[in-house]
Amino acid sequence: MYPENTAVAFELAGKLGFDGVEVMVWTDPVSQDPYALLRLSQQYSVPILAIHAPCLIITQRVWSTDPWAKLRRAQFAAELLGASTVVVHPPFRWQRDYARGFREGIDRLADETQIRFAVENMFPLRMRGREVSAYQPSWDVAFDGEPYRDYTLDLSHAAVAHSDSTAMLAAMGDRLTHLHLADGTGVAKDEHLVPGRGAQPCAEVLETLAARRWSGTVVIEVNTRRAVDRAERQADLAEALAFCRLHLEAVPSGSGPSS
């Protein structure tokens, strides 16, 4: 909902009829406070289905500078709030110790809880015709080394990376836990467009999951910061929700889209 706050996300999710929300833990203090989130969830009758751990550059000091402490706090928040998934990015290149033990550490956390730690595909940076990865062991989590136990597939990130989203979907297979639904045109920035406004196979991915009777969570993760006002922001979210429901008709009850 940026530049609006966390409370507005719950308000509009409830108004538009989303099944729940994913909370991105970032610089908004409310997003960092599980008890404040619980009050919002109860106030607007909107469940919290996932917690996105603070993995961005701008959140390096949120909840701790220790990445494992961040994940443990994300786990606590998810357990308190009834969320099933923690979304996590692969380590940055400069997080050498964290990167060395990342796969094993994620598995250890998952062994201690029913919460799923779903590792998200990222994208390389392009500079002067070269591709540079900011992540270790790789931004391309679906095809790099041993598979992770759980994945988040982000279609906007796939667009930036020029990755084949359907191939990534196939590679993740039954380990796909979580989908970030958004579109992109393939330019060198993370666009997070309303699905249907870019070149990603959003409809095909959703229909494939529907045919599978997939039981994961679809999160509509679109960028509304360019909306001129709340009415336009709301219209974009409503359009994204309608697109998602149209192509997920066959998904079992309780597995619908969130915001």
Protein backbone atom coordinates (compact mmCIF):
# COMPACT_ATOMS: atom_id res chain seq x y z
CA MET A 1 0.00 0.00 0.00
CA TYR A 2 3.05 2.27 -0.03
CA PRO A 3 3.08 5.27 0.35
CA GLU A 4 0.09 4.64 2.61
CA ASN A 5 0.54 2.76 5.85
CA THR A 6 -0.05 -0.74 7.12
CA ALA A 7 -3.46 0.06 8.58
CA VAL A 8 -4.73 1.18 5.17
CA ALA A 9 -3.71 -2.19 3.70
CA PHE A 10 -5.98 -3.98 6.17
CA GLU A 11 -8.79 -1.49 5.60
CA LEU A 12 -8.77 -1.85 1.79
CA ALA A 13 -8.22 -5.61 1.89
CA GLY A 14 -11.35 -5.94 3.98
CA LYS A 15 -13.31 -3.52 1.83
CA LEU A 16 -12.39 -5.24 -1.45
CA GLY A 17 -12.95 -8.78 -0.18
CA PHE A 18 -9.44 -10.21 -0.10
CA ASP A 19 -9.05 -13.45 1.84
CA GLY A 20 -6.12 -12.06 3.81
CA VAL A 21 -2.86 -10.13 3.64
CA GLU A 22 0.87 -10.68 3.58
CA VAL A 23 2.68 -8.19 5.83
CA MET A 24 5.97 -6.83 4.57
CA VAL A 25 8.02 -5.97 7.66
CA TRP A 26 9.71 -2.71 6.83
CA THR A 27 10.19 0.84 8.16
CA ASP A 28 6.54 1.40 9.17
CA PRO A 29 6.64 0.73 12.96
CA VAL A 30 3.22 -0.96 12.86
CA SER A 31 4.54 -3.56 10.41
CA GLN A 32 7.26 -4.41 12.95
CA ASP A 33 4.87 -4.93 15.88
CA PRO A 34 3.11 -8.32 15.85
CA TYR A 35 0.64 -7.23 18.54
CA ALA A 36 -0.34 -4.11 16.59
CA LEU A 37 -0.80 -6.32 13.52
CA LEU A 38 -3.00 -8.67 15.53
CA ARG A 39 -5.23 -5.75 16.54
CA LEU A 40 -5.56 -4.62 12.91
CA SER A 41 -6.35 -8.14 11.78
CA GLN A 42 -9.10 -8.39 14.38
CA GLN A 43 -10.43 -4.87 13.75
CA TYR A 44 -10.90 -5.42 10.00
CA SER A 45 -11.55 -9.21 10.14
CA VAL A 46 -8.66 -9.76 7.72
CA PRO A 47 -6.41 -12.77 8.41
CA ILE A 48 -2.63 -12.49 8.10
CA LEU A 49 -1.51 -15.32 5.81
CA ALA A 50 2.20 -14.58 5.47
CA ILE A 51 5.01 -12.49 6.96
CA HIS A 52 7.70 -11.13 4.66
CA ALA A 53 10.89 -10.98 6.71
CA PRO A 54 12.81 -7.66 6.58
CA CYS A 55 15.30 -8.65 3.86
CA LEU A 56 15.57 -5.37 1.92
CA ILE A 57 18.51 -2.98 2.00
CA ILE A 58 16.32 -0.34 3.65
CA THR A 59 15.41 -2.78 6.43
CA GLN A 60 18.90 -3.96 7.32
CA ARG A 61 18.49 -2.62 10.87
CA VAL A 62 14.83 -3.57 11.35
CA TRP A 63 14.43 -6.16 14.15
CA SER A 64 18.22 -6.62 14.34
CA THR A 65 21.31 -6.51 12.16
CA ASP A 66 21.57 -10.30 12.58
CA PRO A 67 19.71 -11.99 9.69
CA TRP A 68 19.01 -15.13 11.73
CA ALA A 69 17.48 -13.02 14.51
CA LYS A 70 15.25 -11.41 11.89
CA LEU A 71 14.01 -14.82 10.73
CA ARG A 72 13.34 -15.99 14.27
CA ARG A 73 11.32 -12.86 14.95
CA ALA A 74 9.45 -13.40 11.68
CA GLN A 75 8.73 -16.96 12.83
CA PHE A 76 7.42 -15.68 16.17
CA ALA A 77 5.19 -13.14 14.39
CA ALA A 78 3.84 -15.79 12.02
CA GLU A 79 3.07 -18.17 14.87
CA LEU A 80 1.37 -15.45 16.92
CA LEU A 81 -0.69 -14.20 13.97
CA GLY A 82 -1.65 -17.58 12.51
CA ALA A 83 0.31 -17.06 9.29
CA SER A 84 1.56 -20.19 7.54
CA THR A 85 4.52 -18.72 5.64
CA VAL A 86 7.58 -16.54 6.13
CA VAL A 87 8.91 -15.15 2.85
CA VAL A 88 12.69 -14.78 2.81
CA HIS A 89 15.18 -13.51 0.23
CA PRO A 90 18.52 -15.23 -0.39
CA PRO A 91 21.44 -13.54 1.42
CA PHE A 92 23.22 -10.51 0.00
CA ARG A 93 26.76 -11.13 -1.24
CA TRP A 94 28.27 -9.18 1.64
CA GLN A 95 26.48 -11.38 4.23
CA ARG A 96 29.20 -14.02 3.90
CA ASP A 97 28.65 -15.96 7.13
CA TYR A 98 24.89 -15.94 6.64
CA ALA A 99 25.26 -17.10 3.04
CA ARG A 100 27.60 -19.98 3.95
CA GLY A 101 25.05 -21.53 6.29
CA PHE A 102 21.86 -20.34 4.63
CA ARG A 103 20.49 -23.60 3.25
CA GLU A 104 21.20 -25.59 6.40
CA GLY A 105 19.97 -22.78 8.64
CA ILE A 106 16.67 -22.45 6.80
CA ASP A 107 16.14 -26.19 7.13
CA ARG A 108 16.88 -26.07 10.87
CA LEU A 109 14.33 -23.30 11.37
CA ALA A 110 11.74 -25.22 9.37
CA ASP A 111 12.37 -28.34 11.47
CA GLU A 112 11.45 -26.41 14.63
CA THR A 113 8.05 -25.13 13.51
CA GLN A 114 5.11 -25.68 11.19
CA ILE A 115 5.84 -22.31 9.58
CA ARG A 116 7.21 -22.58 6.04
CA PHE A 117 10.24 -20.49 5.13
CA ALA A 118 9.66 -19.88 1.42
CA VAL A 119 12.79 -18.64 -0.38
CA GLU A 120 11.99 -16.10 -3.11
CA ASN A 121 13.52 -15.80 -6.58
CA MET A 122 15.28 -12.47 -7.11
CA PHE A 123 17.05 -10.93 -10.15
CA PRO A 124 20.49 -9.74 -11.26
CA LEU A 125 21.57 -6.15 -11.68
CA ARG A 126 22.52 -5.08 -15.20
CA MET A 127 25.37 -2.62 -15.58
CA ARG A 128 27.10 -1.72 -18.88
CA GLY A 129 25.91 -4.89 -20.54
CA ARG A 130 26.95 -7.14 -17.66
CA GLU A 131 24.83 -9.05 -15.16
CA VAL A 132 25.87 -8.81 -11.52
CA SER A 133 24.22 -10.75 -8.71
CA ALA A 134 23.71 -9.02 -5.37
CA TYR A 135 22.86 -12.40 -3.80
CA GLN A 136 24.62 -15.53 -2.56
CA PRO A 137 24.57 -18.30 -3.49
CA SER A 138 22.40 -16.93 -6.34
CA TRP A 139 19.39 -14.81 -7.19
CA ASP A 140 18.13 -17.75 -9.28
CA VAL A 141 16.96 -19.92 -6.40
CA ALA A 142 15.00 -22.40 -8.55
CA PHE A 143 18.01 -23.61 -10.53
CA ASP A 144 20.97 -23.06 -8.22
CA GLY A 145 22.23 -26.14 -6.39
CA GLU A 146 20.13 -28.26 -4.07
CA PRO A 147 16.44 -27.33 -3.95
CA TYR A 148 15.01 -25.43 -1.01
CA ARG A 149 12.24 -27.01 1.00
CA ASP A 150 9.78 -24.21 0.14
CA TYR A 151 9.72 -21.51 -2.52
CA THR A 152 8.06 -18.18 -3.26
CA LEU A 153 7.72 -17.51 -6.99
CA ASP A 154 7.65 -13.79 -7.81
CA LEU A 155 6.59 -13.06 -11.39
CA SER A 156 7.74 -9.43 -11.36
CA HIS A 157 11.22 -10.56 -10.32
CA ALA A 158 11.14 -13.15 -13.10
CA ALA A 159 10.40 -10.37 -15.59
CA VAL A 160 13.41 -8.32 -14.46
CA ALA A 161 15.63 -11.41 -14.64
CA HIS A 162 14.29 -12.39 -18.08
CA SER A 163 13.57 -15.79 -16.54
CA ASP A 164 11.05 -18.25 -17.94
CA SER A 165 8.33 -18.19 -15.28
CA THR A 166 6.69 -21.40 -16.46
CA ALA A 167 10.06 -23.20 -16.33
CA MET A 168 10.62 -21.84 -12.80
CA LEU A 169 7.14 -23.01 -11.81
CA ALA A 170 7.94 -26.49 -13.12
CA ALA A 171 11.34 -26.55 -11.40
CA MET A 172 9.86 -25.54 -8.05
CA GLY A 173 7.19 -28.21 -8.43
CA ASP A 174 5.53 -29.35 -5.21
CA ARG A 175 7.95 -27.16 -3.24
CA LEU A 176 6.14 -24.02 -4.41
CA THR A 177 4.41 -22.72 -1.30
CA HIS A 178 3.71 -19.11 -2.15
CA LEU A 179 3.13 -16.97 -5.25
CA HIS A 180 3.69 -13.23 -5.60
CA LEU A 181 1.40 -12.33 -8.48
CA ALA A 182 2.45 -9.24 -10.44
CA ASP A 183 3.38 -8.41 -14.00
CA GLY A 184 6.45 -6.93 -15.66
CA THR A 185 7.67 -5.90 -19.08
CA GLY A 186 11.29 -7.04 -18.77
CA VAL A 187 12.87 -3.66 -18.13
CA ALA A 188 15.74 -3.46 -15.65
CA LYS A 189 13.59 -2.51 -12.66
CA ASP A 190 11.11 -4.32 -10.43
CA GLU A 191 7.79 -3.03 -11.77
CA HIS A 192 5.14 -5.09 -9.93
CA LEU A 193 2.44 -4.17 -12.44
CA VAL A 194 -1.20 -5.17 -12.15
CA PRO A 195 -1.41 -8.65 -13.76
CA GLY A 196 -2.34 -8.41 -17.42
CA ARG A 197 -0.48 -5.13 -17.97
CA GLY A 198 2.90 -6.67 -18.77
CA ALA A 199 4.40 -9.65 -20.57
CA GLN A 200 4.46 -12.28 -17.82
CA PRO A 201 2.30 -15.42 -18.19
CA CYS A 202 0.23 -14.53 -15.13
CA ALA A 203 -2.94 -16.20 -16.38
CA GLU A 204 -1.09 -19.34 -17.44
CA VAL A 205 0.65 -19.67 -14.08
CA LEU A 206 -2.63 -19.28 -12.18
CA GLU A 207 -4.45 -21.74 -14.41
CA THR A 208 -1.63 -24.26 -14.01
CA LEU A 209 -1.92 -23.98 -10.24
CA ALA A 210 -5.70 -24.28 -10.44
CA ALA A 211 -5.41 -27.44 -12.52
CA ARG A 212 -3.01 -28.83 -9.89
CA ARG A 213 -5.51 -28.11 -7.11
CA TRP A 214 -2.62 -26.26 -5.49
CA SER A 215 -3.11 -25.40 -1.81
CA GLY A 216 -0.62 -22.52 -1.44
CA THR A 217 -1.28 -18.80 -1.13
CA VAL A 218 -1.44 -16.27 -3.96
CA VAL A 219 -0.44 -12.77 -2.91
CA ILE A 220 -1.23 -9.86 -5.21
CA GLU A 221 1.96 -7.83 -4.85
CA VAL A 222 1.41 -4.83 -7.11
CA ASN A 223 2.98 -1.39 -6.97
CA THR A 224 0.35 1.29 -6.31
CA ARG A 225 2.68 4.17 -5.51
CA ARG A 226 1.93 5.87 -8.84
CA ALA A 227 -1.79 6.02 -8.12
CA VAL A 228 -2.90 9.65 -7.85
CA ASP A 229 -5.23 8.96 -4.94
CA ARG A 230 -6.76 6.18 -2.88
CA ALA A 231 -9.60 5.68 -5.36
CA GLU A 232 -7.13 4.84 -8.14
CA ARG A 233 -5.13 2.62 -5.78
CA GLN A 234 -8.32 0.80 -4.85
CA ALA A 235 -9.28 0.39 -8.52
CA ASP A 236 -5.88 -1.17 -9.31
CA LEU A 237 -6.23 -3.63 -6.45
CA ALA A 238 -9.79 -4.52 -7.47
CA GLU A 239 -8.64 -5.15 -11.05
CA ALA A 240 -5.81 -7.38 -9.82
CA LEU A 241 -8.15 -9.31 -7.55
CA ALA A 242 -10.68 -9.87 -10.35
CA PHE A 243 -7.89 -11.12 -12.66
CA CYS A 244 -6.66 -13.51 -10.00
CA ARG A 245 -10.08 -14.94 -9.17
CA LEU A 246 -10.94 -15.36 -12.84
CA HIS A 247 -7.95 -17.64 -13.41
CA LEU A 248 -8.12 -19.45 -10.06
CA GLU A 249 -11.71 -20.64 -10.27
CA ALA A 250 -10.67 -24.25 -9.81
CA VAL A 251 -8.52 -23.66 -6.72
CA PRO A 252 -10.01 -25.24 -3.57
CA SER A 253 -11.81 -22.99 -1.08
CA GLY A 254 -9.46 -21.30 1.37
CA SER A 255 -6.59 -20.92 -1.12
CA GLY A 256 -7.66 -17.66 -2.68
CA PRO A 257 -5.76 -14.42 -3.22
CA SER A 258 -4.46 -12.04 -0.60
CA SER A 259 -3.09 -8.55 -0.78
